[in-house]
């Protein structure tokens, strides 16, 4: 996984949006906002994924294939929905099996976007309460294993005044040392 600051230049969200020269983001910075990641080779990944799932209490999983071929007519609408800034009340855990894409997470308190370029073998944990979004890259395809602590669910809370006061958002801010 490669992490860098998003350039905020208008244009296709599927482009890298990397500054020139690039502004890499350190593991320490990701740790400071509670974003966790591992690189686990796809071949033979099951034992390592199972161990992490057990350690982090992930009980359920499924596989998602985001592509025009897999999603048909809803593809473009889904890509737009995935790119809306939101948070979840659960961790978002993804292990990339094939393809590639970008998770963007908000750095707090700067409010800068950090782009996380993911590819096969990347395991990413986006914490509950962090503002984030997702998009494919120009290859327009990703296949990911989704892990869940409870029943599979994906309930987005788009950024706004009510979400800023959401208990999971406030707990996240407290965890990273921002706010009361």
C-alpha atoms as a PDB file:
ATOM      1  CA  UNK A   1       0.000   0.000   0.000  1.00  0.00           C
ATOM      2  CA  UNK A   2       1.250   3.439  -0.885  1.00  0.00           C
ATOM      3  CA  UNK A   3       0.034   6.413   1.174  1.00  0.00           C
ATOM      4  CA  UNK A   4       0.347  10.015   0.044  1.00  0.00           C
ATOM      5  CA  UNK A   5      -1.443  13.361   0.275  1.00  0.00           C
ATOM      6  CA  UNK A   6      -4.220  13.812  -2.294  1.00  0.00           C
ATOM      7  CA  UNK A   7      -3.657  16.842  -4.524  1.00  0.00           C
ATOM      8  CA  UNK A   8      -7.317  18.073  -4.595  1.00  0.00           C
ATOM      9  CA  UNK A   9      -6.990  18.959  -8.298  1.00  0.00           C
ATOM     10  CA  UNK A  10     -10.412  18.708  -9.991  1.00  0.00           C
ATOM     11  CA  UNK A  11     -10.751  15.819 -12.413  1.00  0.00           C
ATOM     12  CA  UNK A  12     -11.384  12.111 -12.651  1.00  0.00           C
ATOM     13  CA  UNK A  13     -11.395  10.600  -9.144  1.00  0.00           C
ATOM     14  CA  UNK A  14      -9.850   7.412 -10.602  1.00  0.00           C
ATOM     15  CA  UNK A  15      -6.576   9.197 -11.434  1.00  0.00           C
ATOM     16  CA  UNK A  16      -3.755   9.007  -8.854  1.00  0.00           C
ATOM     17  CA  UNK A  17      -4.144  12.655  -7.704  1.00  0.00           C
ATOM     18  CA  UNK A  18      -0.580  12.674  -6.428  1.00  0.00           C
ATOM     19  CA  UNK A  19       1.385  15.905  -5.957  1.00  0.00           C
ATOM     20  CA  UNK A  20       4.497  16.428  -8.090  1.00  0.00           C
ATOM     21  CA  UNK A  21       6.753  15.781  -6.365  1.00  0.00           C
ATOM     22  CA  UNK A  22       4.794  13.261  -4.335  1.00  0.00           C
ATOM     23  CA  UNK A  23       4.068  13.989  -0.674  1.00  0.00           C
ATOM     24  CA  UNK A  24       4.293  10.541   0.962  1.00  0.00           C
ATOM     25  CA  UNK A  25       2.518   9.825   4.244  1.00  0.00           C
ATOM     26  CA  UNK A  26       4.479   7.924   6.881  1.00  0.00           C
ATOM     27  CA  UNK A  27       3.329   4.877   8.832  1.00  0.00           C
ATOM     28  CA  UNK A  28       3.570   7.081  11.930  1.00  0.00           C
ATOM     29  CA  UNK A  29       1.013   9.488  10.473  1.00  0.00           C
ATOM     30  CA  UNK A  30      -1.326   6.603   9.587  1.00  0.00           C
ATOM     31  CA  UNK A  31      -0.879   5.222  13.102  1.00  0.00           C
ATOM     32  CA  UNK A  32      -1.751   8.645  14.560  1.00  0.00           C
ATOM     33  CA  UNK A  33      -5.175   8.493  12.858  1.00  0.00           C
ATOM     34  CA  UNK A  34      -5.630   4.772  13.710  1.00  0.00           C
ATOM     35  CA  UNK A  35      -5.411   3.484  10.129  1.00  0.00           C
ATOM     36  CA  UNK A  36      -3.858   0.020  10.170  1.00  0.00           C
ATOM     37  CA  UNK A  37      -2.430  -1.954   7.253  1.00  0.00           C
ATOM     38  CA  UNK A  38      -0.557  -5.129   6.459  1.00  0.00           C
ATOM     39  CA  UNK A  39       0.909  -6.639   3.284  1.00  0.00           C
ATOM     40  CA  UNK A  40       0.006 -10.343   3.060  1.00  0.00           C
ATOM     41  CA  UNK A  41       0.788 -12.181  -0.180  1.00  0.00           C
ATOM     42  CA  UNK A  42      -2.415 -13.411  -1.848  1.00  0.00           C
ATOM     43  CA  UNK A  43      -1.005 -16.883  -2.416  1.00  0.00           C
ATOM     44  CA  UNK A  44      -1.483 -18.729   0.871  1.00  0.00           C
ATOM     45  CA  UNK A  45      -3.115 -15.728   2.601  1.00  0.00           C
ATOM     46  CA  UNK A  46      -5.824 -17.664   4.465  1.00  0.00           C
ATOM     47  CA  UNK A  47      -3.895 -18.618   7.643  1.00  0.00           C
ATOM     48  CA  UNK A  48      -2.604 -15.057   8.194  1.00  0.00           C
ATOM     49  CA  UNK A  49      -6.010 -13.460   7.465  1.00  0.00           C
ATOM     50  CA  UNK A  50      -7.670 -15.996   9.778  1.00  0.00           C
ATOM     51  CA  UNK A  51      -5.176 -15.184  12.565  1.00  0.00           C
ATOM     52  CA  UNK A  52      -5.761 -11.422  12.226  1.00  0.00           C
ATOM     53  CA  UNK A  53      -9.533 -11.996  12.082  1.00  0.00           C
ATOM     54  CA  UNK A  54      -9.390 -14.015  15.299  1.00  0.00           C
ATOM     55  CA  UNK A  55      -7.116 -11.482  17.035  1.00  0.00           C
ATOM     56  CA  UNK A  56      -9.376  -8.546  16.056  1.00  0.00           C
ATOM     57  CA  UNK A  57     -12.644 -10.449  16.653  1.00  0.00           C
ATOM     58  CA  UNK A  58     -13.845 -10.436  13.022  1.00  0.00           C
ATOM     59  CA  UNK A  59     -16.575 -13.071  12.855  1.00  0.00           C
ATOM     60  CA  UNK A  60     -17.965 -12.676   9.341  1.00  0.00           C
ATOM     61  CA  UNK A  61     -16.662 -12.101   5.842  1.00  0.00           C
ATOM     62  CA  UNK A  62     -17.717 -11.873   2.231  1.00  0.00           C
ATOM     63  CA  UNK A  63     -16.151 -10.997  -1.109  1.00  0.00           C
ATOM     64  CA  UNK A  64     -17.026  -7.944  -3.191  1.00  0.00           C
ATOM     65  CA  UNK A  65     -16.227  -7.510  -6.866  1.00  0.00           C
ATOM     66  CA  UNK A  66     -16.460  -3.874  -7.964  1.00  0.00           C
ATOM     67  CA  UNK A  67     -16.448  -3.694 -11.754  1.00  0.00           C
ATOM     68  CA  UNK A  68     -18.780  -2.859 -14.617  1.00  0.00           C
ATOM     69  CA  UNK A  69     -18.958  -6.553 -15.536  1.00  0.00           C
ATOM     70  CA  UNK A  70     -19.954  -7.586 -12.001  1.00  0.00           C
ATOM     71  CA  UNK A  71     -22.317  -4.693 -11.226  1.00  0.00           C
ATOM     72  CA  UNK A  72     -23.895  -3.929 -14.578  1.00  0.00           C
ATOM     73  CA  UNK A  73     -26.132  -0.880 -14.808  1.00  0.00           C
ATOM     74  CA  UNK A  74     -25.654   0.195 -11.165  1.00  0.00           C
ATOM     75  CA  UNK A  75     -21.858   0.430 -11.549  1.00  0.00           C
ATOM     76  CA  UNK A  76     -21.523   4.191 -12.212  1.00  0.00           C
ATOM     77  CA  UNK A  77     -23.996   5.084  -9.447  1.00  0.00           C
ATOM     78  CA  UNK A  78     -22.165   2.816  -6.979  1.00  0.00           C
ATOM     79  CA  UNK A  79     -18.793   4.385  -7.831  1.00  0.00           C
ATOM     80  CA  UNK A  80     -20.280   7.840  -7.173  1.00  0.00           C
ATOM     81  CA  UNK A  81     -21.795   6.633  -3.883  1.00  0.00           C
ATOM     82  CA  UNK A  82     -18.504   5.059  -2.749  1.00  0.00           C
ATOM     83  CA  UNK A  83     -16.713   8.390  -3.371  1.00  0.00           C
ATOM     84  CA  UNK A  84     -19.027  10.412  -1.110  1.00  0.00           C
ATOM     85  CA  UNK A  85     -17.308  11.477   2.107  1.00  0.00           C
ATOM     86  CA  UNK A  86     -18.684   9.396   4.967  1.00  0.00           C
ATOM     87  CA  UNK A  87     -17.947   7.506   8.144  1.00  0.00           C
ATOM     88  CA  UNK A  88     -19.162   4.185   9.513  1.00  0.00           C
ATOM     89  CA  UNK A  89     -19.941   3.067  13.038  1.00  0.00           C
ATOM     90  CA  UNK A  90     -17.869  -0.076  12.437  1.00  0.00           C
ATOM     91  CA  UNK A  91     -14.342  -0.589  11.200  1.00  0.00           C
ATOM     92  CA  UNK A  92     -14.082  -1.034   7.449  1.00  0.00           C
ATOM     93  CA  UNK A  93     -11.754  -3.986   6.835  1.00  0.00           C
ATOM     94  CA  UNK A  94     -10.661  -4.879   3.314  1.00  0.00           C
ATOM     95  CA  UNK A  95      -8.160  -7.421   2.022  1.00  0.00           C
ATOM     96  CA  UNK A  96      -7.423  -6.887  -1.662  1.00  0.00           C
ATOM     97  CA  UNK A  97      -7.486 -10.129  -3.631  1.00  0.00           C
ATOM     98  CA  UNK A  98      -7.243  -8.713  -7.155  1.00  0.00           C
ATOM     99  CA  UNK A  99      -7.370  -5.366  -8.943  1.00  0.00           C
ATOM    100  CA  UNK A 100      -6.630  -2.012  -7.347  1.00  0.00           C
ATOM    101  CA  UNK A 101      -8.172   1.198  -6.090  1.00  0.00           C
ATOM    102  CA  UNK A 102      -7.940   4.094  -3.676  1.00  0.00           C
ATOM    103  CA  UNK A 103      -9.212   4.665  -0.155  1.00  0.00           C
ATOM    104  CA  UNK A 104      -9.032   8.327   0.869  1.00  0.00           C
ATOM    105  CA  UNK A 105      -9.052   9.091   4.606  1.00  0.00           C
ATOM    106  CA  UNK A 106      -9.229  12.475   6.340  1.00  0.00           C
ATOM    107  CA  UNK A 107      -6.242  13.422   8.409  1.00  0.00           C
ATOM    108  CA  UNK A 108      -7.383  15.054  11.623  1.00  0.00           C
ATOM    109  CA  UNK A 109      -7.057  17.853  12.621  1.00  0.00           C
ATOM    110  CA  UNK A 110      -5.656  19.133   9.266  1.00  0.00           C
ATOM    111  CA  UNK A 111      -8.675  17.851   7.272  1.00  0.00           C
ATOM    112  CA  UNK A 112      -6.289  16.915   4.428  1.00  0.00           C
ATOM    113  CA  UNK A 113      -7.083  13.864   2.318  1.00  0.00           C
ATOM    114  CA  UNK A 114      -4.611  11.001   2.509  1.00  0.00           C
ATOM    115  CA  UNK A 115      -4.844   8.663  -0.477  1.00  0.00           C
ATOM    116  CA  UNK A 116      -4.166   4.978   0.139  1.00  0.00           C
ATOM    117  CA  UNK A 117      -3.402   3.149  -3.102  1.00  0.00           C
ATOM    118  CA  UNK A 118      -4.298  -0.519  -2.515  1.00  0.00           C
ATOM    119  CA  UNK A 119      -3.435  -3.578  -4.579  1.00  0.00           C
ATOM    120  CA  UNK A 120      -3.454  -7.368  -4.151  1.00  0.00           C
ATOM    121  CA  UNK A 121      -2.128  -8.432  -0.760  1.00  0.00           C
ATOM    122  CA  UNK A 122      -3.002  -5.196   1.051  1.00  0.00           C
ATOM    123  CA  UNK A 123      -5.099  -5.525   4.219  1.00  0.00           C
ATOM    124  CA  UNK A 124      -6.526  -2.203   5.357  1.00  0.00           C
ATOM    125  CA  UNK A 125      -8.456  -1.318   8.520  1.00  0.00           C
ATOM    126  CA  UNK A 126     -10.241   2.039   8.370  1.00  0.00           C
ATOM    127  CA  UNK A 127     -11.380   2.858  11.929  1.00  0.00           C
ATOM    128  CA  UNK A 128     -14.988   3.550  12.903  1.00  0.00           C
ATOM    129  CA  UNK A 129     -15.650   7.295  12.973  1.00  0.00           C
ATOM    130  CA  UNK A 130     -13.013   8.433  10.451  1.00  0.00           C
ATOM    131  CA  UNK A 131     -14.200  10.313   7.377  1.00  0.00           C
ATOM    132  CA  UNK A 132     -13.236   8.455   4.234  1.00  0.00           C
ATOM    133  CA  UNK A 133     -14.233   7.507   0.684  1.00  0.00           C
ATOM    134  CA  UNK A 134     -13.315   4.915  -1.935  1.00  0.00           C
ATOM    135  CA  UNK A 135     -12.829   4.791  -5.679  1.00  0.00           C
ATOM    136  CA  UNK A 136     -11.382   2.466  -8.235  1.00  0.00           C
ATOM    137  CA  UNK A 137      -8.351   3.478 -10.246  1.00  0.00           C
ATOM    138  CA  UNK A 138      -8.259   3.610 -14.048  1.00  0.00           C
ATOM    139  CA  UNK A 139      -8.349  -0.205 -14.275  1.00  0.00           C
ATOM    140  CA  UNK A 140     -11.965  -0.045 -13.001  1.00  0.00           C
ATOM    141  CA  UNK A 141     -11.754  -3.326 -11.099  1.00  0.00           C
ATOM    142  CA  UNK A 142     -11.153  -4.539  -7.573  1.00  0.00           C
ATOM    143  CA  UNK A 143     -11.974  -7.766  -5.764  1.00  0.00           C
ATOM    144  CA  UNK A 144     -11.772  -7.591  -1.987  1.00  0.00           C
ATOM    145  CA  UNK A 145     -12.471  -9.746   1.014  1.00  0.00           C
ATOM    146  CA  UNK A 146     -14.562  -7.764   3.486  1.00  0.00           C
ATOM    147  CA  UNK A 147     -14.293  -8.695   7.153  1.00  0.00           C
ATOM    148  CA  UNK A 148     -16.843  -7.753   9.812  1.00  0.00           C
ATOM    149  CA  UNK A 149     -16.937  -7.855  13.604  1.00  0.00           C
ATOM    150  CA  UNK A 150     -20.644  -8.677  13.559  1.00  0.00           C
ATOM    151  CA  UNK A 151     -23.190  -9.291  10.820  1.00  0.00           C
ATOM    152  CA  UNK A 152     -22.120  -7.886   7.449  1.00  0.00           C
ATOM    153  CA  UNK A 153     -23.363  -4.337   7.105  1.00  0.00           C
ATOM    154  CA  UNK A 154     -22.345  -1.191   5.343  1.00  0.00           C
ATOM    155  CA  UNK A 155     -24.190   1.835   6.699  1.00  0.00           C
ATOM    156  CA  UNK A 156     -22.656   5.127   5.529  1.00  0.00           C
ATOM    157  CA  UNK A 157     -23.130   8.358   7.473  1.00  0.00           C
ATOM    158  CA  UNK A 158     -22.312  11.163   5.039  1.00  0.00           C
ATOM    159  CA  UNK A 159     -20.340  14.057   6.475  1.00  0.00           C
ATOM    160  CA  UNK A 160     -22.437  16.831   7.949  1.00  0.00           C
ATOM    161  CA  UNK A 161     -23.369  18.533  11.189  1.00  0.00           C
ATOM    162  CA  UNK A 162     -25.294  15.518  12.539  1.00  0.00           C
ATOM    163  CA  UNK A 163     -22.445  13.137  11.668  1.00  0.00           C
ATOM    164  CA  UNK A 164     -19.897  15.443  13.304  1.00  0.00           C
ATOM    165  CA  UNK A 165     -21.869  14.881  16.547  1.00  0.00           C
ATOM    166  CA  UNK A 166     -22.265  11.113  16.030  1.00  0.00           C
ATOM    167  CA  UNK A 167     -21.053   9.214  19.147  1.00  0.00           C
ATOM    168  CA  UNK A 168     -18.761   7.009  17.018  1.00  0.00           C
ATOM    169  CA  UNK A 169     -17.214  10.091  15.414  1.00  0.00           C
ATOM    170  CA  UNK A 170     -16.684  11.697  18.821  1.00  0.00           C
ATOM    171  CA  UNK A 171     -15.181   8.469  20.207  1.00  0.00           C
ATOM    172  CA  UNK A 172     -12.815   8.301  17.236  1.00  0.00           C
ATOM    173  CA  UNK A 173     -11.671  11.897  17.784  1.00  0.00           C
ATOM    174  CA  UNK A 174     -11.090  11.190  21.466  1.00  0.00           C
ATOM    175  CA  UNK A 175      -9.070   8.068  20.581  1.00  0.00           C
ATOM    176  CA  UNK A 176      -6.693  10.102  18.407  1.00  0.00           C
ATOM    177  CA  UNK A 177      -6.454  12.918  20.962  1.00  0.00           C
ATOM    178  CA  UNK A 178      -8.627  15.529  19.220  1.00  0.00           C
ATOM    179  CA  UNK A 179     -11.500  17.255  21.001  1.00  0.00           C
ATOM    180  CA  UNK A 180     -12.856  16.711  24.486  1.00  0.00           C
END
